[in-house]
């Protein structure tokens, strides 16, 4: 059973930075066999794609809303995936979720099998 635990959220001023972490654990398989994604959900809105990274980190994808400001990377040896968020805007405020899938680093939430519980990001203007 895959377990994902996000951390690193908090309150930050607009223009600031945060780094989110997603700790992975699974008894039979390593993180390197999973593609990972980051999604977010703001109050009253649907969950939306933020970023995704392939098994070994050679390929990444970003939503247009965060492209150029966010980066995603992974350390398979540490079983952790990161979302580096720079130049944060008030509209980036949301609960951020990491997700895992054994097939591909897609952009749809329906492509992901396992989910963390999320970490709150608040951006003050």
C-alpha atoms as a PDB file:
ATOM      1  CA  UNK A   1       0.000   0.000   0.000  1.00  0.00           C
ATOM      2  CA  UNK A   2       1.420   3.339  -1.073  1.00  0.00           C
ATOM      3  CA  UNK A   3       1.462   6.121   1.493  1.00  0.00           C
ATOM      4  CA  UNK A   4       2.102   9.734   0.574  1.00  0.00           C
ATOM      5  CA  UNK A   5       2.577  12.494   3.119  1.00  0.00           C
ATOM      6  CA  UNK A   6       2.876  16.116   2.068  1.00  0.00           C
ATOM      7  CA  UNK A   7       4.624  18.775   4.118  1.00  0.00           C
ATOM      8  CA  UNK A   8       6.063  22.246   3.762  1.00  0.00           C
ATOM      9  CA  UNK A   9       2.899  24.248   3.380  1.00  0.00           C
ATOM     10  CA  UNK A  10       2.270  27.447   5.276  1.00  0.00           C
ATOM     11  CA  UNK A  11       1.689  31.158   5.023  1.00  0.00           C
ATOM     12  CA  UNK A  12       3.852  33.197   2.678  1.00  0.00           C
ATOM     13  CA  UNK A  13       3.693  36.705   1.271  1.00  0.00           C
ATOM     14  CA  UNK A  14       3.042  37.243  -2.399  1.00  0.00           C
ATOM     15  CA  UNK A  15       6.314  37.009  -4.281  1.00  0.00           C
ATOM     16  CA  UNK A  16       7.754  34.583  -1.779  1.00  0.00           C
ATOM     17  CA  UNK A  17       8.725  30.938  -2.085  1.00  0.00           C
ATOM     18  CA  UNK A  18       7.847  27.616  -0.535  1.00  0.00           C
ATOM     19  CA  UNK A  19       9.099  24.103  -1.080  1.00  0.00           C
ATOM     20  CA  UNK A  20       6.638  21.290  -0.618  1.00  0.00           C
ATOM     21  CA  UNK A  21       7.750  17.759   0.048  1.00  0.00           C
ATOM     22  CA  UNK A  22       5.955  14.498  -0.568  1.00  0.00           C
ATOM     23  CA  UNK A  23       7.300  11.543   1.397  1.00  0.00           C
ATOM     24  CA  UNK A  24       6.636   8.180  -0.222  1.00  0.00           C
ATOM     25  CA  UNK A  25       6.467   4.796   1.429  1.00  0.00           C
ATOM     26  CA  UNK A  26       5.521   1.384   0.064  1.00  0.00           C
ATOM     27  CA  UNK A  27       6.611  -2.025   1.239  1.00  0.00           C
ATOM     28  CA  UNK A  28       7.116  -3.765  -2.112  1.00  0.00           C
ATOM     29  CA  UNK A  29       8.103  -1.101  -4.608  1.00  0.00           C
ATOM     30  CA  UNK A  30      10.357   1.910  -4.601  1.00  0.00           C
ATOM     31  CA  UNK A  31       9.499   5.468  -5.516  1.00  0.00           C
ATOM     32  CA  UNK A  32      11.469   5.077  -8.732  1.00  0.00           C
ATOM     33  CA  UNK A  33       8.700   2.883 -10.166  1.00  0.00           C
ATOM     34  CA  UNK A  34       6.063   5.589  -9.805  1.00  0.00           C
ATOM     35  CA  UNK A  35       5.323   8.702 -11.760  1.00  0.00           C
ATOM     36  CA  UNK A  36       4.315  11.547  -9.483  1.00  0.00           C
ATOM     37  CA  UNK A  37       2.019  14.491  -9.757  1.00  0.00           C
ATOM     38  CA  UNK A  38       1.088  17.593  -7.809  1.00  0.00           C
ATOM     39  CA  UNK A  39      -2.426  18.960  -7.775  1.00  0.00           C
ATOM     40  CA  UNK A  40      -4.144  21.718  -5.852  1.00  0.00           C
ATOM     41  CA  UNK A  41      -7.638  22.610  -4.789  1.00  0.00           C
ATOM     42  CA  UNK A  42      -8.822  26.006  -3.677  1.00  0.00           C
ATOM     43  CA  UNK A  43     -12.089  26.499  -1.774  1.00  0.00           C
ATOM     44  CA  UNK A  44     -15.081  26.205  -4.077  1.00  0.00           C
ATOM     45  CA  UNK A  45     -12.964  25.057  -7.006  1.00  0.00           C
ATOM     46  CA  UNK A  46     -12.185  21.739  -8.568  1.00  0.00           C
ATOM     47  CA  UNK A  47      -8.875  20.033  -8.064  1.00  0.00           C
ATOM     48  CA  UNK A  48      -6.442  21.120 -10.753  1.00  0.00           C
ATOM     49  CA  UNK A  49      -3.181  19.873 -12.135  1.00  0.00           C
ATOM     50  CA  UNK A  50      -0.011  21.678 -11.120  1.00  0.00           C
ATOM     51  CA  UNK A  51       3.008  19.588 -12.089  1.00  0.00           C
ATOM     52  CA  UNK A  52       4.118  16.054 -12.835  1.00  0.00           C
ATOM     53  CA  UNK A  53       7.399  14.207 -13.064  1.00  0.00           C
ATOM     54  CA  UNK A  54       8.326  10.913 -14.676  1.00  0.00           C
ATOM     55  CA  UNK A  55       9.800   7.896 -12.917  1.00  0.00           C
ATOM     56  CA  UNK A  56      13.406   9.023 -13.041  1.00  0.00           C
ATOM     57  CA  UNK A  57      12.757  12.732 -13.314  1.00  0.00           C
ATOM     58  CA  UNK A  58      13.773  13.058 -16.938  1.00  0.00           C
ATOM     59  CA  UNK A  59      10.429  14.516 -17.971  1.00  0.00           C
ATOM     60  CA  UNK A  60       8.293  17.141 -16.271  1.00  0.00           C
ATOM     61  CA  UNK A  61       5.002  18.857 -17.039  1.00  0.00           C
ATOM     62  CA  UNK A  62       3.468  22.028 -15.665  1.00  0.00           C
ATOM     63  CA  UNK A  63       0.175  23.809 -15.903  1.00  0.00           C
ATOM     64  CA  UNK A  64       0.205  27.120 -17.715  1.00  0.00           C
ATOM     65  CA  UNK A  65      -0.660  28.840 -14.433  1.00  0.00           C
ATOM     66  CA  UNK A  66       2.619  27.832 -12.783  1.00  0.00           C
ATOM     67  CA  UNK A  67       4.987  27.341 -15.701  1.00  0.00           C
ATOM     68  CA  UNK A  68       8.170  29.311 -15.188  1.00  0.00           C
ATOM     69  CA  UNK A  69       7.532  29.788 -11.462  1.00  0.00           C
ATOM     70  CA  UNK A  70       7.325  26.245 -10.100  1.00  0.00           C
ATOM     71  CA  UNK A  71       9.744  23.358 -10.388  1.00  0.00           C
ATOM     72  CA  UNK A  72       9.253  19.695  -9.596  1.00  0.00           C
ATOM     73  CA  UNK A  73      12.030  17.256  -8.802  1.00  0.00           C
ATOM     74  CA  UNK A  74      12.525  14.013  -7.005  1.00  0.00           C
ATOM     75  CA  UNK A  75      15.103  12.194  -4.939  1.00  0.00           C
ATOM     76  CA  UNK A  76      14.328   8.522  -5.330  1.00  0.00           C
ATOM     77  CA  UNK A  77      17.002   7.567  -2.836  1.00  0.00           C
ATOM     78  CA  UNK A  78      15.241   9.653  -0.206  1.00  0.00           C
ATOM     79  CA  UNK A  79      11.782   8.547  -1.356  1.00  0.00           C
ATOM     80  CA  UNK A  80      10.735  12.158  -1.664  1.00  0.00           C
ATOM     81  CA  UNK A  81       9.278  14.358  -4.374  1.00  0.00           C
ATOM     82  CA  UNK A  82       9.453  18.142  -4.162  1.00  0.00           C
ATOM     83  CA  UNK A  83       7.508  21.072  -5.523  1.00  0.00           C
ATOM     84  CA  UNK A  84       9.492  24.296  -5.467  1.00  0.00           C
ATOM     85  CA  UNK A  85       7.159  27.252  -5.693  1.00  0.00           C
ATOM     86  CA  UNK A  86       8.587  30.679  -6.467  1.00  0.00           C
ATOM     87  CA  UNK A  87       7.017  34.068  -7.123  1.00  0.00           C
ATOM     88  CA  UNK A  88       3.877  32.961  -5.357  1.00  0.00           C
ATOM     89  CA  UNK A  89       0.640  34.756  -6.070  1.00  0.00           C
ATOM     90  CA  UNK A  90      -2.556  34.955  -4.002  1.00  0.00           C
ATOM     91  CA  UNK A  91      -4.236  32.745  -6.599  1.00  0.00           C
ATOM     92  CA  UNK A  92      -1.758  29.965  -5.786  1.00  0.00           C
ATOM     93  CA  UNK A  93      -3.365  29.546  -2.378  1.00  0.00           C
ATOM     94  CA  UNK A  94      -4.876  26.081  -2.085  1.00  0.00           C
ATOM     95  CA  UNK A  95      -4.464  22.679  -0.545  1.00  0.00           C
ATOM     96  CA  UNK A  96      -1.676  20.951  -2.449  1.00  0.00           C
ATOM     97  CA  UNK A  97      -1.766  17.205  -2.980  1.00  0.00           C
ATOM     98  CA  UNK A  98       0.818  14.804  -4.301  1.00  0.00           C
ATOM     99  CA  UNK A  99      -0.242  11.721  -6.189  1.00  0.00           C
ATOM    100  CA  UNK A 100       1.403   8.589  -7.532  1.00  0.00           C
ATOM    101  CA  UNK A 101       0.777   6.396 -10.530  1.00  0.00           C
ATOM    102  CA  UNK A 102       2.682   3.421 -11.855  1.00  0.00           C
ATOM    103  CA  UNK A 103       2.067   4.175 -15.526  1.00  0.00           C
ATOM    104  CA  UNK A 104       2.601   7.777 -16.585  1.00  0.00           C
ATOM    105  CA  UNK A 105       3.025  11.308 -15.285  1.00  0.00           C
ATOM    106  CA  UNK A 106      -0.295  12.529 -16.572  1.00  0.00           C
ATOM    107  CA  UNK A 107      -2.094  15.816 -16.109  1.00  0.00           C
ATOM    108  CA  UNK A 108      -5.474  14.435 -15.106  1.00  0.00           C
ATOM    109  CA  UNK A 109      -6.274  13.561 -11.518  1.00  0.00           C
ATOM    110  CA  UNK A 110      -8.060  10.461 -12.809  1.00  0.00           C
ATOM    111  CA  UNK A 111      -4.743   9.027 -13.979  1.00  0.00           C
ATOM    112  CA  UNK A 112      -3.419   8.786 -10.439  1.00  0.00           C
ATOM    113  CA  UNK A 113      -4.090   5.928  -8.097  1.00  0.00           C
ATOM    114  CA  UNK A 114      -2.628   7.069  -4.785  1.00  0.00           C
ATOM    115  CA  UNK A 115      -3.062  10.391  -3.008  1.00  0.00           C
ATOM    116  CA  UNK A 116      -1.766  12.169   0.031  1.00  0.00           C
ATOM    117  CA  UNK A 117      -3.953  14.188   2.369  1.00  0.00           C
ATOM    118  CA  UNK A 118      -2.609  17.523   1.287  1.00  0.00           C
ATOM    119  CA  UNK A 119      -0.842  20.514   2.755  1.00  0.00           C
ATOM    120  CA  UNK A 120      -2.276  24.018   2.949  1.00  0.00           C
ATOM    121  CA  UNK A 121      -0.583  26.909   1.170  1.00  0.00           C
ATOM    122  CA  UNK A 122      -1.759  30.411   1.967  1.00  0.00           C
ATOM    123  CA  UNK A 123      -0.459  33.450   0.098  1.00  0.00           C
ATOM    124  CA  UNK A 124      -1.059  36.907   1.513  1.00  0.00           C
ATOM    125  CA  UNK A 125      -1.224  39.902  -0.791  1.00  0.00           C
END
